[in-house]
Amino acid sequence: MPGFVKAMPTGEGTGLGLSLSYDIITKVHGGTLEVETIEGEGTTFIVTVPIYF
């Protein structure tokens, strides 16, 4: 699995990516964003959005 890729060098940018993602997923799409972290192993983000037919 490839490493995490960032658009900007460490320490630069606004740091709002996760906050904006959360707002779009929950407020715009009515979904959820869950985070599961295992120290020393990694983090999993679970995004759930409803499907409307």
Foldseek 3Di string as FASTA:
>chain_A
DDDDDDPDDPPDDDPCVVVVVQCCQCVVQVWHWDWDDDPPPGIDIDTDGDDDD
